[in-house]
Amino acid sequence: MRNENIKNILNRRLAHYGLEKTATAVRVCEVATKIAAGEFEPISFRRGNLKIKVKSAAKAHLIRLGQGEIVKKINRELGEDLVKGLVFAIGS
């Protein structure tokens, strides 16, 4: 019996069931929530875009100004460059 990394086993099983994109989106949103520190709420992740909810247009503007750094922090925490940009949704 060969020694196999649990990460490889999980990735194979996720691929087998067609869940790799969903698992990646959950992982990205989880890391983004930690990075957000209450400033925004991750909603979804698709095709490199992380959709976030902010409370106001003013808050969206401020976050947009720091978008590059936020994306870098999320990708650094993930260990790979998955997030390319942010998409904003304004609401409470």
N, C-alpha and C. Protein backbone atom coordinates (compact mmCIF):
# COMPACT_ATOMS: atom_id res chain seq x y z
N MET A 1 0.84 -1.18 0.00
CA MET A 1 0.00 0.00 0.00
C MET A 1 0.88 1.24 0.00
N ARG A 2 0.61 2.16 -0.92
CA ARG A 2 1.47 3.34 -1.02
C ARG A 2 0.98 4.45 -0.09
N ASN A 3 1.91 5.26 0.33
CA ASN A 3 1.61 6.41 1.16
C ASN A 3 1.10 7.53 0.26
N GLU A 4 -0.10 8.03 0.53
CA GLU A 4 -0.66 9.07 -0.32
C GLU A 4 -1.13 10.25 0.53
N ASN A 5 -0.85 11.43 0.04
CA ASN A 5 -1.22 12.67 0.70
C ASN A 5 -2.75 12.80 0.73
N ILE A 6 -3.30 13.18 1.89
CA ILE A 6 -4.76 13.32 2.02
C ILE A 6 -5.30 14.38 1.06
N LYS A 7 -4.51 15.42 0.81
CA LYS A 7 -4.93 16.46 -0.13
C LYS A 7 -5.16 15.88 -1.52
N ASN A 8 -4.27 15.01 -1.95
CA ASN A 8 -4.41 14.38 -3.27
C ASN A 8 -5.65 13.47 -3.32
N ILE A 9 -5.88 12.76 -2.24
CA ILE A 9 -7.06 11.88 -2.18
C ILE A 9 -8.34 12.72 -2.27
N LEU A 10 -8.40 13.78 -1.47
CA LEU A 10 -9.59 14.64 -1.49
C LEU A 10 -9.79 15.30 -2.85
N ASN A 11 -8.72 15.78 -3.46
CA ASN A 11 -8.84 16.41 -4.78
C ASN A 11 -9.36 15.43 -5.82
N ARG A 12 -8.90 14.20 -5.77
CA ARG A 12 -9.38 13.17 -6.70
C ARG A 12 -10.87 12.89 -6.50
N ARG A 13 -11.29 12.79 -5.23
CA ARG A 13 -12.70 12.51 -4.93
C ARG A 13 -13.59 13.69 -5.36
N LEU A 14 -13.14 14.90 -5.09
CA LEU A 14 -13.90 16.08 -5.51
C LEU A 14 -14.04 16.12 -7.03
N ALA A 15 -12.96 15.82 -7.74
CA ALA A 15 -13.00 15.79 -9.20
C ALA A 15 -13.94 14.70 -9.69
N HIS A 16 -13.90 13.55 -9.04
CA HIS A 16 -14.75 12.43 -9.42
C HIS A 16 -16.24 12.81 -9.37
N TYR A 17 -16.61 13.59 -8.36
CA TYR A 17 -18.00 13.99 -8.19
C TYR A 17 -18.31 15.36 -8.81
N GLY A 18 -17.33 15.97 -9.48
CA GLY A 18 -17.55 17.25 -10.13
C GLY A 18 -17.70 18.41 -9.17
N LEU A 19 -17.02 18.33 -8.04
CA LEU A 19 -17.18 19.34 -6.99
C LEU A 19 -15.96 20.23 -6.79
N GLU A 20 -14.97 20.12 -7.67
CA GLU A 20 -13.74 20.89 -7.44
C GLU A 20 -13.96 22.40 -7.50
N LYS A 21 -14.81 22.88 -8.42
CA LYS A 21 -15.07 24.32 -8.51
C LYS A 21 -15.81 24.82 -7.28
N THR A 22 -16.75 24.03 -6.81
CA THR A 22 -17.51 24.39 -5.61
C THR A 22 -16.58 24.44 -4.39
N ALA A 23 -15.73 23.46 -4.26
CA ALA A 23 -14.80 23.41 -3.13
C ALA A 23 -13.84 24.60 -3.17
N THR A 24 -13.37 24.95 -4.36
CA THR A 24 -12.48 26.10 -4.50
C THR A 24 -13.20 27.38 -4.11
N ALA A 25 -14.45 27.55 -4.56
CA ALA A 25 -15.22 28.75 -4.23
C ALA A 25 -15.43 28.87 -2.72
N VAL A 26 -15.71 27.77 -2.07
CA VAL A 26 -15.90 27.78 -0.62
C VAL A 26 -14.60 28.19 0.07
N ARG A 27 -13.50 27.62 -0.39
CA ARG A 27 -12.19 27.93 0.20
C ARG A 27 -11.85 29.42 0.03
N VAL A 28 -12.08 29.96 -1.17
CA VAL A 28 -11.79 31.37 -1.43
C VAL A 28 -12.66 32.25 -0.53
N CYS A 29 -13.94 31.96 -0.44
CA CYS A 29 -14.85 32.77 0.39
C CYS A 29 -14.48 32.69 1.87
N GLU A 30 -14.05 31.53 2.31
CA GLU A 30 -13.64 31.36 3.70
C GLU A 30 -12.42 32.23 4.02
N VAL A 31 -11.43 32.21 3.15
CA VAL A 31 -10.23 33.02 3.35
C VAL A 31 -10.59 34.51 3.25
N ALA A 32 -11.43 34.87 2.30
CA ALA A 32 -11.82 36.28 2.12
C ALA A 32 -12.56 36.79 3.35
N THR A 33 -13.38 35.96 3.96
CA THR A 33 -14.10 36.36 5.17
C THR A 33 -13.12 36.73 6.27
N LYS A 34 -12.08 35.94 6.40
CA LYS A 34 -11.06 36.20 7.41
C LYS A 34 -10.32 37.51 7.10
N ILE A 35 -9.98 37.72 5.85
CA ILE A 35 -9.26 38.92 5.42
C ILE A 35 -10.16 40.16 5.57
N ALA A 36 -11.46 40.01 5.32
CA ALA A 36 -12.40 41.13 5.32
C ALA A 36 -12.51 41.84 6.65
N ALA A 37 -12.37 41.12 7.72
CA ALA A 37 -12.46 41.69 9.08
C ALA A 37 -13.70 42.57 9.24
N GLY A 38 -14.82 42.11 8.67
CA GLY A 38 -16.08 42.83 8.82
C GLY A 38 -16.30 43.97 7.84
N GLU A 39 -15.33 44.26 6.99
CA GLU A 39 -15.46 45.37 6.03
C GLU A 39 -16.34 45.02 4.83
N PHE A 40 -16.38 43.75 4.49
CA PHE A 40 -17.21 43.28 3.39
C PHE A 40 -17.57 41.82 3.63
N GLU A 41 -18.52 41.33 2.86
CA GLU A 41 -18.95 39.94 2.98
C GLU A 41 -18.80 39.23 1.64
N PRO A 42 -17.98 38.19 1.56
CA PRO A 42 -17.87 37.43 0.32
C PRO A 42 -19.20 36.74 0.00
N ILE A 43 -19.62 36.82 -1.25
CA ILE A 43 -20.88 36.21 -1.68
C ILE A 43 -20.62 34.98 -2.53
N SER A 44 -19.72 35.12 -3.51
CA SER A 44 -19.45 34.00 -4.41
C SER A 44 -18.10 34.18 -5.08
N PHE A 45 -17.63 33.11 -5.69
CA PHE A 45 -16.38 33.14 -6.43
C PHE A 45 -16.58 32.36 -7.72
N ARG A 46 -16.27 33.03 -8.83
CA ARG A 46 -16.45 32.37 -10.14
C ARG A 46 -15.51 33.00 -11.16
N ARG A 47 -14.81 32.15 -11.89
CA ARG A 47 -13.92 32.59 -12.97
C ARG A 47 -12.94 33.68 -12.55
N GLY A 48 -12.39 33.53 -11.36
CA GLY A 48 -11.38 34.46 -10.88
C GLY A 48 -11.92 35.71 -10.21
N ASN A 49 -13.24 35.89 -10.23
CA ASN A 49 -13.85 37.06 -9.63
C ASN A 49 -14.53 36.72 -8.31
N LEU A 50 -14.14 37.45 -7.29
CA LEU A 50 -14.75 37.30 -5.97
C LEU A 50 -15.81 38.38 -5.82
N LYS A 51 -17.06 37.98 -5.70
CA LYS A 51 -18.15 38.93 -5.51
C LYS A 51 -18.31 39.18 -4.03
N ILE A 52 -18.30 40.46 -3.67
CA ILE A 52 -18.41 40.83 -2.26
C ILE A 52 -19.58 41.81 -2.07
N LYS A 53 -20.17 41.76 -0.88
CA LYS A 53 -21.25 42.68 -0.54
C LYS A 53 -20.70 43.71 0.44
N VAL A 54 -20.98 44.97 0.13
CA VAL A 54 -20.59 46.08 1.00
C VAL A 54 -21.85 46.87 1.35
N LYS A 55 -21.78 47.64 2.43
CA LYS A 55 -22.98 48.33 2.92
C LYS A 55 -23.33 49.60 2.14
N SER A 56 -22.35 50.22 1.48
CA SER A 56 -22.63 51.48 0.79
C SER A 56 -21.70 51.67 -0.40
N ALA A 57 -22.08 52.60 -1.26
CA ALA A 57 -21.23 52.93 -2.41
C ALA A 57 -19.91 53.54 -1.94
N ALA A 58 -19.97 54.31 -0.85
CA ALA A 58 -18.75 54.90 -0.30
C ALA A 58 -17.78 53.81 0.16
N LYS A 59 -18.30 52.79 0.83
CA LYS A 59 -17.46 51.68 1.30
C LYS A 59 -16.89 50.92 0.10
N ALA A 60 -17.72 50.72 -0.94
CA ALA A 60 -17.24 50.06 -2.15
C ALA A 60 -16.09 50.83 -2.77
N HIS A 61 -16.21 52.15 -2.79
CA HIS A 61 -15.14 52.99 -3.35
C HIS A 61 -13.85 52.82 -2.56
N LEU A 62 -13.94 52.86 -1.26
CA LEU A 62 -12.75 52.70 -0.42
C LEU A 62 -12.09 51.33 -0.63
N ILE A 63 -12.92 50.30 -0.69
CA ILE A 63 -12.37 48.95 -0.90
C ILE A 63 -11.77 48.83 -2.29
N ARG A 64 -12.41 49.44 -3.27
CA ARG A 64 -11.90 49.41 -4.64
C ARG A 64 -10.49 50.02 -4.71
N LEU A 65 -10.26 51.07 -3.93
CA LEU A 65 -8.94 51.71 -3.90
C LEU A 65 -7.87 50.75 -3.38
N GLY A 66 -8.25 49.88 -2.45
CA GLY A 66 -7.30 48.91 -1.88
C GLY A 66 -7.46 47.51 -2.45
N GLN A 67 -8.17 47.40 -3.56
CA GLN A 67 -8.49 46.09 -4.14
C GLN A 67 -7.26 45.23 -4.42
N GLY A 68 -6.23 45.84 -4.98
CA GLY A 68 -5.02 45.08 -5.31
C GLY A 68 -4.41 44.40 -4.10
N GLU A 69 -4.34 45.13 -3.00
CA GLU A 69 -3.76 44.58 -1.77
C GLU A 69 -4.65 43.48 -1.19
N ILE A 70 -5.96 43.67 -1.26
CA ILE A 70 -6.89 42.66 -0.76
C ILE A 70 -6.74 41.37 -1.56
N VAL A 71 -6.69 41.49 -2.87
CA VAL A 71 -6.52 40.32 -3.74
C VAL A 71 -5.20 39.61 -3.43
N LYS A 72 -4.13 40.38 -3.25
CA LYS A 72 -2.82 39.79 -2.91
C LYS A 72 -2.89 39.02 -1.60
N LYS A 73 -3.53 39.61 -0.58
CA LYS A 73 -3.63 38.95 0.72
C LYS A 73 -4.40 37.64 0.63
N ILE A 74 -5.51 37.67 -0.10
CA ILE A 74 -6.32 36.45 -0.24
C ILE A 74 -5.51 35.38 -0.95
N ASN A 75 -4.88 35.73 -2.07
CA ASN A 75 -4.10 34.76 -2.83
C ASN A 75 -2.91 34.24 -2.04
N ARG A 76 -2.28 35.10 -1.25
CA ARG A 76 -1.16 34.67 -0.41
C ARG A 76 -1.63 33.63 0.60
N GLU A 77 -2.77 33.89 1.21
CA GLU A 77 -3.34 32.95 2.19
C GLU A 77 -3.73 31.63 1.53
N LEU A 78 -4.23 31.70 0.30
CA LEU A 78 -4.62 30.49 -0.43
C LEU A 78 -3.41 29.69 -0.92
N GLY A 79 -2.29 30.38 -1.11
CA GLY A 79 -1.10 29.72 -1.62
C GLY A 79 -1.09 29.59 -3.14
N GLU A 80 -2.01 30.26 -3.81
CA GLU A 80 -2.06 30.27 -5.27
C GLU A 80 -2.88 31.47 -5.74
N ASP A 81 -2.63 31.90 -6.96
CA ASP A 81 -3.30 33.08 -7.51
C ASP A 81 -4.63 32.70 -8.15
N LEU A 82 -5.64 32.58 -7.32
CA LEU A 82 -6.97 32.23 -7.81
C LEU A 82 -7.83 33.46 -8.06
N VAL A 83 -7.73 34.45 -7.17
CA VAL A 83 -8.56 35.64 -7.27
C VAL A 83 -7.88 36.66 -8.16
N LYS A 84 -8.60 37.09 -9.20
CA LYS A 84 -8.07 38.09 -10.15
C LYS A 84 -8.64 39.47 -9.86
N GLY A 85 -9.86 39.54 -9.35
CA GLY A 85 -10.48 40.82 -9.08
C GLY A 85 -11.70 40.70 -8.20
N LEU A 86 -12.24 41.85 -7.81
CA LEU A 86 -13.42 41.92 -6.97
C LEU A 86 -14.59 42.48 -7.76
N VAL A 87 -15.77 41.97 -7.49
CA VAL A 87 -17.02 42.48 -8.05
C VAL A 87 -17.86 42.91 -6.86
N PHE A 88 -18.45 44.10 -6.94
CA PHE A 88 -19.13 44.68 -5.80
C PHE A 88 -20.65 44.57 -5.91
N ALA A 89 -21.28 44.27 -4.78
CA ALA A 89 -22.74 44.33 -4.64
C ALA A 89 -22.99 45.21 -3.43
N ILE A 90 -23.87 46.18 -3.59
CA ILE A 90 -24.12 47.11 -2.50
C ILE A 90 -25.47 46.79 -1.87
N GLY A 91 -25.48 46.68 -0.55
CA GLY A 91 -26.71 46.34 0.17
C GLY A 91 -26.43 46.08 1.63
N SER A 92 -27.49 45.95 2.39
CA SER A 92 -27.29 45.71 3.83
C SER A 92 -27.29 44.25 4.17
